[in-house]
Amino acid sequence: MSAPAAAVTMYTTNWCGYCMRLKKMMQREGIEFAEVNIEEVDGAADVVMAANGGNQTVPTLVFTDGTALTNPSIDQVKAQLAASARA
């Protein structure tokens, strides 16, 4: 039996301080996420640009309901996860 898919995918880079900070906060809160490095995964930058008006801004989080947040606070992440769970 495979593990359930993460409710959110975080698009990052290796050098992004905001990404590192948000990853630590999400881990501390017990929020599971899949991480995709836009500099290493083909097509990942395209997903980020589509969510951000053509900009490669990270961290960009994409939720299973298709919504996206760019450089969100941990409170915004938790609120979006709660809203996605209700949908």
PDB file of N, CA and C in Angstrom:
ATOM      1  N   MET A   1       0.849  -1.184   0.000  1.00  0.00           N
ATOM      2  CA  MET A   1       0.000   0.000   0.000  1.00  0.00           C
ATOM      3  C   MET A   1       0.890   1.241   0.000  1.00  0.00           C
ATOM      4  N   SER A   2       0.622   2.170  -0.906  1.00  0.00           N
ATOM      5  CA  SER A   2       1.455   3.363  -1.001  1.00  0.00           C
ATOM      6  C   SER A   2       0.956   4.447  -0.051  1.00  0.00           C
ATOM      7  N   ALA A   3       1.851   5.361   0.277  1.00  0.00           N
ATOM      8  CA  ALA A   3       1.502   6.472   1.162  1.00  0.00           C
ATOM      9  C   ALA A   3       0.557   7.418   0.445  1.00  0.00           C
ATOM     10  N   PRO A   4      -0.324   8.081   1.190  1.00  0.00           N
ATOM     11  CA  PRO A   4      -1.227   9.039   0.538  1.00  0.00           C
ATOM     12  C   PRO A   4      -0.433  10.195  -0.056  1.00  0.00           C
ATOM     13  N   ALA A   5      -0.950  10.729  -1.138  1.00  0.00           N
ATOM     14  CA  ALA A   5      -0.297  11.867  -1.786  1.00  0.00           C
ATOM     15  C   ALA A   5      -0.367  13.086  -0.873  1.00  0.00           C
ATOM     16  N   ALA A   6       0.666  13.893  -0.926  1.00  0.00           N
ATOM     17  CA  ALA A   6       0.679  15.119  -0.129  1.00  0.00           C
ATOM     18  C   ALA A   6      -0.412  16.058  -0.632  1.00  0.00           C
ATOM     19  N   ALA A   7      -0.992  16.814   0.291  1.00  0.00           N
ATOM     20  CA  ALA A   7      -2.064  17.745  -0.060  1.00  0.00           C
ATOM     21  C   ALA A   7      -1.533  18.990  -0.751  1.00  0.00           C
ATOM     22  N   VAL A   8      -0.216  19.159  -0.728  1.00  0.00           N
ATOM     23  CA  VAL A   8       0.376  20.357  -1.316  1.00  0.00           C
ATOM     24  C   VAL A   8       1.740  20.013  -1.910  1.00  0.00           C
ATOM     25  N   THR A   9       2.045  20.665  -3.025  1.00  0.00           N
ATOM     26  CA  THR A   9       3.362  20.550  -3.641  1.00  0.00           C
ATOM     27  C   THR A   9       4.038  21.905  -3.523  1.00  0.00           C
ATOM     28  N   MET A  10       5.257  21.902  -2.991  1.00  0.00           N
ATOM     29  CA  MET A  10       6.019  23.137  -2.843  1.00  0.00           C
ATOM     30  C   MET A  10       7.098  23.177  -3.924  1.00  0.00           C
ATOM     31  N   TYR A  11       7.047  24.218  -4.744  1.00  0.00           N
ATOM     32  CA  TYR A  11       8.056  24.438  -5.773  1.00  0.00           C
ATOM     33  C   TYR A  11       9.124  25.343  -5.195  1.00  0.00           C
ATOM     34  N   THR A  12      10.385  24.907  -5.297  1.00  0.00           N
ATOM     35  CA  THR A  12      11.495  25.568  -4.626  1.00  0.00           C
ATOM     36  C   THR A  12      12.725  25.657  -5.526  1.00  0.00           C
ATOM     37  N   THR A  13      13.782  26.255  -4.962  1.00  0.00           N
ATOM     38  CA  THR A  13      15.140  26.161  -5.494  1.00  0.00           C
ATOM     39  C   THR A  13      16.047  25.845  -4.308  1.00  0.00           C
ATOM     40  N   ASN A  14      17.276  25.434  -4.591  1.00  0.00           N
ATOM     41  CA  ASN A  14      18.221  25.121  -3.513  1.00  0.00           C
ATOM     42  C   ASN A  14      18.657  26.355  -2.730  1.00  0.00           C
ATOM     43  N   TRP A  15      18.663  27.509  -3.376  1.00  0.00           N
ATOM     44  CA  TRP A  15      19.227  28.717  -2.774  1.00  0.00           C
ATOM     45  C   TRP A  15      18.184  29.626  -2.130  1.00  0.00           C
ATOM     46  N   CYS A  16      16.924  29.279  -2.180  1.00  0.00           N
ATOM     47  CA  CYS A  16      15.843  30.155  -1.717  1.00  0.00           C
ATOM     48  C   CYS A  16      15.683  30.100  -0.194  1.00  0.00           C
ATOM     49  N   GLY A  17      16.033  31.177   0.467  1.00  0.00           N
ATOM     50  CA  GLY A  17      15.900  31.267   1.918  1.00  0.00           C
ATOM     51  C   GLY A  17      14.449  31.202   2.373  1.00  0.00           C
ATOM     52  N   TYR A  18      13.544  31.831   1.623  1.00  0.00           N
ATOM     53  CA  TYR A  18      12.117  31.783   1.965  1.00  0.00           C
ATOM     54  C   TYR A  18      11.601  30.346   1.900  1.00  0.00           C
ATOM     55  N   CYS A  19      12.097  29.582   0.917  1.00  0.00           N
ATOM     56  CA  CYS A  19      11.699  28.183   0.778  1.00  0.00           C
ATOM     57  C   CYS A  19      12.156  27.378   1.994  1.00  0.00           C
ATOM     58  N   MET A  20      13.402  27.560   2.386  1.00  0.00           N
ATOM     59  CA  MET A  20      13.943  26.825   3.534  1.00  0.00           C
ATOM     60  C   MET A  20      13.160  27.133   4.802  1.00  0.00           C
ATOM     61  N   ARG A  21      12.834  28.400   4.990  1.00  0.00           N
ATOM     62  CA  ARG A  21      12.097  28.810   6.186  1.00  0.00           C
ATOM     63  C   ARG A  21      10.700  28.193   6.188  1.00  0.00           C
ATOM     64  N   LEU A  22       9.995  28.259   5.060  1.00  0.00           N
ATOM     65  CA  LEU A  22       8.639  27.717   5.002  1.00  0.00           C
ATOM     66  C   LEU A  22       8.653  26.197   5.157  1.00  0.00           C
ATOM     67  N   LYS A  23       9.639  25.516   4.571  1.00  0.00           N
ATOM     68  CA  LYS A  23       9.740  24.065   4.728  1.00  0.00           C
ATOM     69  C   LYS A  23       9.875  23.698   6.202  1.00  0.00           C
ATOM     70  N   LYS A  24      10.731  24.416   6.926  1.00  0.00           N
ATOM     71  CA  LYS A  24      10.919  24.142   8.360  1.00  0.00           C
ATOM     72  C   LYS A  24       9.636  24.372   9.139  1.00  0.00           C
ATOM     73  N   MET A  25       8.924  25.454   8.826  1.00  0.00           N
ATOM     74  CA  MET A  25       7.668  25.736   9.528  1.00  0.00           C
ATOM     75  C   MET A  25       6.620  24.663   9.234  1.00  0.00           C
ATOM     76  N   MET A  26       6.531  24.240   7.986  1.00  0.00           N
ATOM     77  CA  MET A  26       5.553  23.210   7.625  1.00  0.00           C
ATOM     78  C   MET A  26       5.897  21.882   8.293  1.00  0.00           C
ATOM     79  N   GLN A  27       7.175  21.546   8.342  1.00  0.00           N
ATOM     80  CA  GLN A  27       7.588  20.316   9.022  1.00  0.00           C
ATOM     81  C   GLN A  27       7.262  20.394  10.508  1.00  0.00           C
ATOM     82  N   ARG A  28       7.510  21.533  11.125  1.00  0.00           N
ATOM     83  CA  ARG A  28       7.221  21.732  12.549  1.00  0.00           C
ATOM     84  C   ARG A  28       5.721  21.583  12.830  1.00  0.00           C
ATOM     85  N   GLU A  29       4.886  22.006  11.865  1.00  0.00           N
ATOM     86  CA  GLU A  29       3.427  21.919  12.017  1.00  0.00           C
ATOM     87  C   GLU A  29       2.886  20.545  11.605  1.00  0.00           C
ATOM     88  N   GLY A  30       3.754  19.682  11.103  1.00  0.00           N
ATOM     89  CA  GLY A  30       3.328  18.349  10.686  1.00  0.00           C
ATOM     90  C   GLY A  30       2.590  18.328   9.361  1.00  0.00           C
ATOM     91  N   ILE A  31       2.823  19.334   8.528  1.00  0.00           N
ATOM     92  CA  ILE A  31       2.170  19.414   7.219  1.00  0.00           C
ATOM     93  C   ILE A  31       3.026  18.678   6.195  1.00  0.00           C
ATOM     94  N   GLU A  32       2.461  17.638   5.617  1.00  0.00           N
ATOM     95  CA  GLU A  32       3.187  16.875   4.600  1.00  0.00           C
ATOM     96  C   GLU A  32       3.128  17.604   3.273  1.00  0.00           C
ATOM     97  N   PHE A  33       4.236  17.584   2.560  1.00  0.00           N
ATOM     98  CA  PHE A  33       4.287  18.230   1.255  1.00  0.00           C
ATOM     99  C   PHE A  33       5.276  17.510   0.365  1.00  0.00           C
ATOM    100  N   ALA A  34       5.037  17.626  -0.928  1.00  0.00           N
ATOM    101  CA  ALA A  34       5.985  17.138  -1.920  1.00  0.00           C
ATOM    102  C   ALA A  34       6.802  18.348  -2.364  1.00  0.00           C
ATOM    103  N   GLU A  35       8.094  18.177  -2.491  1.00  0.00           N
ATOM    104  CA  GLU A  35       8.958  19.283  -2.916  1.00  0.00           C
ATOM    105  C   GLU A  35       9.452  19.045  -4.328  1.00  0.00           C
ATOM    106  N   VAL A  36       9.387  20.099  -5.150  1.00  0.00           N
ATOM    107  CA  VAL A  36       9.859  20.035  -6.529  1.00  0.00           C
ATOM    108  C   VAL A  36      10.788  21.218  -6.760  1.00  0.00           C
ATOM    109  N   ASN A  37      12.036  20.925  -7.097  1.00  0.00           N
ATOM    110  CA  ASN A  37      13.022  21.966  -7.372  1.00  0.00           C
ATOM    111  C   ASN A  37      12.872  22.391  -8.834  1.00  0.00           C
ATOM    112  N   ILE A  38      12.520  23.650  -9.061  1.00  0.00           N
ATOM    113  CA  ILE A  38      12.245  24.113 -10.425  1.00  0.00           C
ATOM    114  C   ILE A  38      13.500  24.182 -11.289  1.00  0.00           C
ATOM    115  N   GLU A  39      14.671  24.108 -10.674  1.00  0.00           N
ATOM    116  CA  GLU A  39      15.908  24.129 -11.444  1.00  0.00           C
ATOM    117  C   GLU A  39      16.377  22.729 -11.818  1.00  0.00           C
ATOM    118  N   GLU A  40      15.723  21.711 -11.246  1.00  0.00           N
ATOM    119  CA  GLU A  40      16.145  20.339 -11.488  1.00  0.00           C
ATOM    120  C   GLU A  40      15.099  19.481 -12.190  1.00  0.00           C
ATOM    121  N   VAL A  41      13.829  19.888 -12.139  1.00  0.00           N
ATOM    122  CA  VAL A  41      12.749  19.073 -12.684  1.00  0.00           C
ATOM    123  C   VAL A  41      12.175  19.746 -13.932  1.00  0.00           C
ATOM    124  N   ASP A  42      12.266  19.048 -15.053  1.00  0.00           N
ATOM    125  CA  ASP A  42      11.744  19.586 -16.316  1.00  0.00           C
ATOM    126  C   ASP A  42      10.259  19.922 -16.179  1.00  0.00           C
ATOM    127  N   GLY A  43       9.881  21.091 -16.642  1.00  0.00           N
ATOM    128  CA  GLY A  43       8.497  21.513 -16.624  1.00  0.00           C
ATOM    129  C   GLY A  43       8.039  22.172 -15.337  1.00  0.00           C
ATOM    130  N   ALA A  44       8.795  22.040 -14.260  1.00  0.00           N
ATOM    131  CA  ALA A  44       8.380  22.598 -12.977  1.00  0.00           C
ATOM    132  C   ALA A  44       8.340  24.125 -13.015  1.00  0.00           C
ATOM    133  N   ALA A  45       9.305  24.736 -13.672  1.00  0.00           N
ATOM    134  CA  ALA A  45       9.310  26.202 -13.774  1.00  0.00           C
ATOM    135  C   ALA A  45       8.077  26.696 -14.520  1.00  0.00           C
ATOM    136  N   ASP A  46       7.593  25.914 -15.474  1.00  0.00           N
ATOM    137  CA  ASP A  46       6.387  26.289 -16.223  1.00  0.00           C
ATOM    138  C   ASP A  46       5.165  26.331 -15.312  1.00  0.00           C
ATOM    139  N   VAL A  47       5.075  25.386 -14.381  1.00  0.00           N
ATOM    140  CA  VAL A  47       3.967  25.365 -13.417  1.00  0.00           C
ATOM    141  C   VAL A  47       4.009  26.618 -12.563  1.00  0.00           C
ATOM    142  N   VAL A  48       5.207  26.971 -12.095  1.00  0.00           N
ATOM    143  CA  VAL A  48       5.376  28.155 -11.248  1.00  0.00           C
ATOM    144  C   VAL A  48       5.036  29.423 -12.038  1.00  0.00           C
ATOM    145  N   MET A  49       5.502  29.513 -13.264  1.00  0.00           N
ATOM    146  CA  MET A  49       5.212  30.701 -14.076  1.00  0.00           C
ATOM    147  C   MET A  49       3.715  30.828 -14.359  1.00  0.00           C
ATOM    148  N   ALA A  50       3.043  29.707 -14.572  1.00  0.00           N
ATOM    149  CA  ALA A  50       1.597  29.745 -14.816  1.00  0.00           C
ATOM    150  C   ALA A  50       0.852  30.269 -13.590  1.00  0.00           C
ATOM    151  N   ALA A  51       1.341  29.952 -12.406  1.00  0.00           N
ATOM    152  CA  ALA A  51       0.689  30.388 -11.166  1.00  0.00           C
ATOM    153  C   ALA A  51       1.036  31.822 -10.798  1.00  0.00           C
ATOM    154  N   ASN A  52       2.097  32.368 -11.404  1.00  0.00           N
ATOM    155  CA  ASN A  52       2.614  33.671 -10.982  1.00  0.00           C
ATOM    156  C   ASN A  52       2.760  34.674 -12.119  1.00  0.00           C
ATOM    157  N   GLY A  53       1.866  34.636 -13.060  1.00  0.00           N
ATOM    158  CA  GLY A  53       1.874  35.623 -14.132  1.00  0.00           C
ATOM    159  C   GLY A  53       3.171  35.685 -14.913  1.00  0.00           C
ATOM    160  N   GLY A  54       3.800  34.535 -15.117  1.00  0.00           N
ATOM    161  CA  GLY A  54       5.030  34.480 -15.897  1.00  0.00           C
ATOM    162  C   GLY A  54       6.310  34.575 -15.089  1.00  0.00           C
ATOM    163  N   ASN A  55       6.201  34.777 -13.780  1.00  0.00           N
ATOM    164  CA  ASN A  55       7.382  34.894 -12.917  1.00  0.00           C
ATOM    165  C   ASN A  55       7.734  33.558 -12.287  1.00  0.00           C
ATOM    166  N   GLN A  56       9.026  33.314 -12.119  1.00  0.00           N
ATOM    167  CA  GLN A  56       9.506  32.101 -11.465  1.00  0.00           C
ATOM    168  C   GLN A  56       9.718  32.379  -9.982  1.00  0.00           C
ATOM    169  N   THR A  57       8.658  32.729  -9.281  1.00  0.00           N
ATOM    170  CA  THR A  57       8.739  33.086  -7.866  1.00  0.00           C
ATOM    171  C   THR A  57       8.546  31.845  -7.007  1.00  0.00           C
ATOM    172  N   VAL A  58       9.482  31.626  -6.083  1.00  0.00           N
ATOM    173  CA  VAL A  58       9.388  30.513  -5.148  1.00  0.00           C
ATOM    174  C   VAL A  58       9.533  31.051  -3.719  1.00  0.00           C
ATOM    175  N   PRO A  59       8.956  30.380  -2.742  1.00  0.00           N
ATOM    176  CA  PRO A  59       8.191  29.154  -2.872  1.00  0.00           C
ATOM    177  C   PRO A  59       6.798  29.414  -3.443  1.00  0.00           C
ATOM    178  N   THR A  60       6.390  28.538  -4.320  1.00  0.00           N
ATOM    179  CA  THR A  60       5.016  28.507  -4.810  1.00  0.00           C
ATOM    180  C   THR A  60       4.436  27.177  -4.373  1.00  0.00           C
ATOM    181  N   LEU A  61       3.291  27.220  -3.728  1.00  0.00           N
ATOM    182  CA  LEU A  61       2.614  26.018  -3.266  1.00  0.00           C
ATOM    183  C   LEU A  61       1.376  25.798  -4.119  1.00  0.00           C
ATOM    184  N   VAL A  62       1.223  24.574  -4.615  1.00  0.00           N
ATOM    185  CA  VAL A  62       0.051  24.211  -5.395  1.00  0.00           C
ATOM    186  C   VAL A  62      -0.665  23.097  -4.632  1.00  0.00           C
ATOM    187  N   PHE A  63      -1.952  23.324  -4.379  1.00  0.00           N
ATOM    188  CA  PHE A  63      -2.761  22.410  -3.582  1.00  0.00           C
ATOM    189  C   PHE A  63      -3.523  21.457  -4.493  1.00  0.00           C
ATOM    190  N   THR A  64      -4.017  20.357  -3.924  1.00  0.00           N
ATOM    191  CA  THR A  64      -4.691  19.341  -4.731  1.00  0.00           C
ATOM    192  C   THR A  64      -5.944  19.873  -5.408  1.00  0.00           C
ATOM    193  N   ASP A  65      -6.524  20.952  -4.874  1.00  0.00           N
ATOM    194  CA  ASP A  65      -7.716  21.524  -5.517  1.00  0.00           C
ATOM    195  C   ASP A  65      -7.362  22.482  -6.654  1.00  0.00           C
ATOM    196  N   GLY A  66      -6.061  22.631  -6.939  1.00  0.00           N
ATOM    197  CA  GLY A  66      -5.614  23.478  -8.036  1.00  0.00           C
ATOM    198  C   GLY A  66      -5.273  24.900  -7.655  1.00  0.00           C
ATOM    199  N   THR A  67      -5.567  25.294  -6.422  1.00  0.00           N
ATOM    200  CA  THR A  67      -5.224  26.638  -5.981  1.00  0.00           C
ATOM    201  C   THR A  67      -3.722  26.728  -5.724  1.00  0.00           C
ATOM    202  N   ALA A  68      -3.207  27.960  -5.746  1.00  0.00           N
ATOM    203  CA  ALA A  68      -1.774  28.175  -5.533  1.00  0.00           C
ATOM    204  C   ALA A  68      -1.562  29.380  -4.632  1.00  0.00           C
ATOM    205  N   LEU A  69      -0.505  29.314  -3.845  1.00  0.00           N
ATOM    206  CA  LEU A  69      -0.069  30.440  -3.013  1.00  0.00           C
ATOM    207  C   LEU A  69       1.407  30.679  -3.285  1.00  0.00           C
ATOM    208  N   THR A  70       1.793  31.946  -3.338  1.00  0.00           N
ATOM    209  CA  THR A  70       3.188  32.301  -3.560  1.00  0.00           C
ATOM    210  C   THR A  70       3.748  32.958  -2.318  1.00  0.00           C
ATOM    211  N   ASN A  71       4.842  32.399  -1.830  1.00  0.00           N
ATOM    212  CA  ASN A  71       5.531  32.878  -0.632  1.00  0.00           C
ATOM    213  C   ASN A  71       4.546  33.143   0.510  1.00  0.00           C
ATOM    214  N   PRO A  72       3.726  32.133   0.844  1.00  0.00           N
ATOM    215  CA  PRO A  72       2.712  32.337   1.873  1.00  0.00           C
ATOM    216  C   PRO A  72       3.281  32.233   3.284  1.00  0.00           C
ATOM    217  N   SER A  73       2.529  32.756   4.231  1.00  0.00           N
ATOM    218  CA  SER A  73       2.845  32.541   5.645  1.00  0.00           C
ATOM    219  C   SER A  73       2.346  31.141   6.013  1.00  0.00           C
ATOM    220  N   ILE A  74       2.803  30.629   7.137  1.00  0.00           N
ATOM    221  CA  ILE A  74       2.335  29.318   7.587  1.00  0.00           C
ATOM    222  C   ILE A  74       0.836  29.359   7.879  1.00  0.00           C
ATOM    223  N   ASP A  75       0.333  30.492   8.350  1.00  0.00           N
ATOM    224  CA  ASP A  75      -1.102  30.620   8.612  1.00  0.00           C
ATOM    225  C   ASP A  75      -1.901  30.555   7.314  1.00  0.00           C
ATOM    226  N   GLN A  76      -1.386  31.145   6.250  1.00  0.00           N
ATOM    227  CA  GLN A  76      -2.062  31.070   4.950  1.00  0.00           C
ATOM    228  C   GLN A  76      -2.077  29.634   4.438  1.00  0.00           C
ATOM    229  N   VAL A  77      -0.993  28.909   4.647  1.00  0.00           N
ATOM    230  CA  VAL A  77      -0.924  27.509   4.218  1.00  0.00           C
ATOM    231  C   VAL A  77      -1.968  26.691   4.966  1.00  0.00           C
ATOM    232  N   LYS A  78      -2.020  26.853   6.272  1.00  0.00           N
ATOM    233  CA  LYS A  78      -2.985  26.097   7.075  1.00  0.00           C
ATOM    234  C   LYS A  78      -4.422  26.441   6.683  1.00  0.00           C
ATOM    235  N   ALA A  79      -4.704  27.709   6.433  1.00  0.00           N
ATOM    236  CA  ALA A  79      -6.048  28.127   6.035  1.00  0.00           C
ATOM    237  C   ALA A  79      -6.422  27.508   4.689  1.00  0.00           C
ATOM    238  N   GLN A  80      -5.487  27.498   3.746  1.00  0.00           N
ATOM    239  CA  GLN A  80      -5.777  26.935   2.435  1.00  0.00           C
ATOM    240  C   GLN A  80      -5.972  25.424   2.517  1.00  0.00           C
ATOM    241  N   LEU A  81      -5.192  24.749   3.338  1.00  0.00           N
ATOM    242  CA  LEU A  81      -5.379  23.306   3.515  1.00  0.00           C
ATOM    243  C   LEU A  81      -6.750  23.023   4.111  1.00  0.00           C
ATOM    244  N   ALA A  82      -7.180  23.828   5.073  1.00  0.00           N
ATOM    245  CA  ALA A  82      -8.505  23.651   5.677  1.00  0.00           C
ATOM    246  C   ALA A  82      -9.602  23.891   4.651  1.00  0.00           C
ATOM    247  N   ALA A  83      -9.449  24.942   3.832  1.00  0.00           N
ATOM    248  CA  ALA A  83     -10.442  25.246   2.804  1.00  0.00           C
ATOM    249  C   ALA A  83     -10.486  24.132   1.752  1.00  0.00           C
ATOM    250  N   SER A  84      -9.334  23.612   1.376  1.00  0.00           N
ATOM    251  CA  SER A  84      -9.268  22.538   0.381  1.00  0.00           C
ATOM    252  C   SER A  84      -9.925  21.270   0.908  1.00  0.00           C
ATOM    253  N   ALA A  85      -9.772  21.010   2.206  1.00  0.00           N
ATOM    254  CA  ALA A  85     -10.352  19.811   2.811  1.00  0.00           C
ATOM    255  C   ALA A  85     -11.885  19.896   2.843  1.00  0.00           C
ATOM    256  N   ARG A  86     -12.417  21.108   2.955  1.00  0.00           N
ATOM    257  CA  ARG A  86     -13.870  21.303   2.988  1.00  0.00           C
ATOM    258  C   ARG A  86     -14.488  21.209   1.602  1.00  0.00           C
ATOM    259  N   ALA A  87     -13.689  21.484   0.578  1.00  0.00           N
ATOM    260  CA  ALA A  87     -14.221  21.535  -0.800  1.00  0.00           C
ATOM    261  C   ALA A  87     -14.558  20.158  -1.323  1.00  0.00           C
TER     262      ALA A  87
END
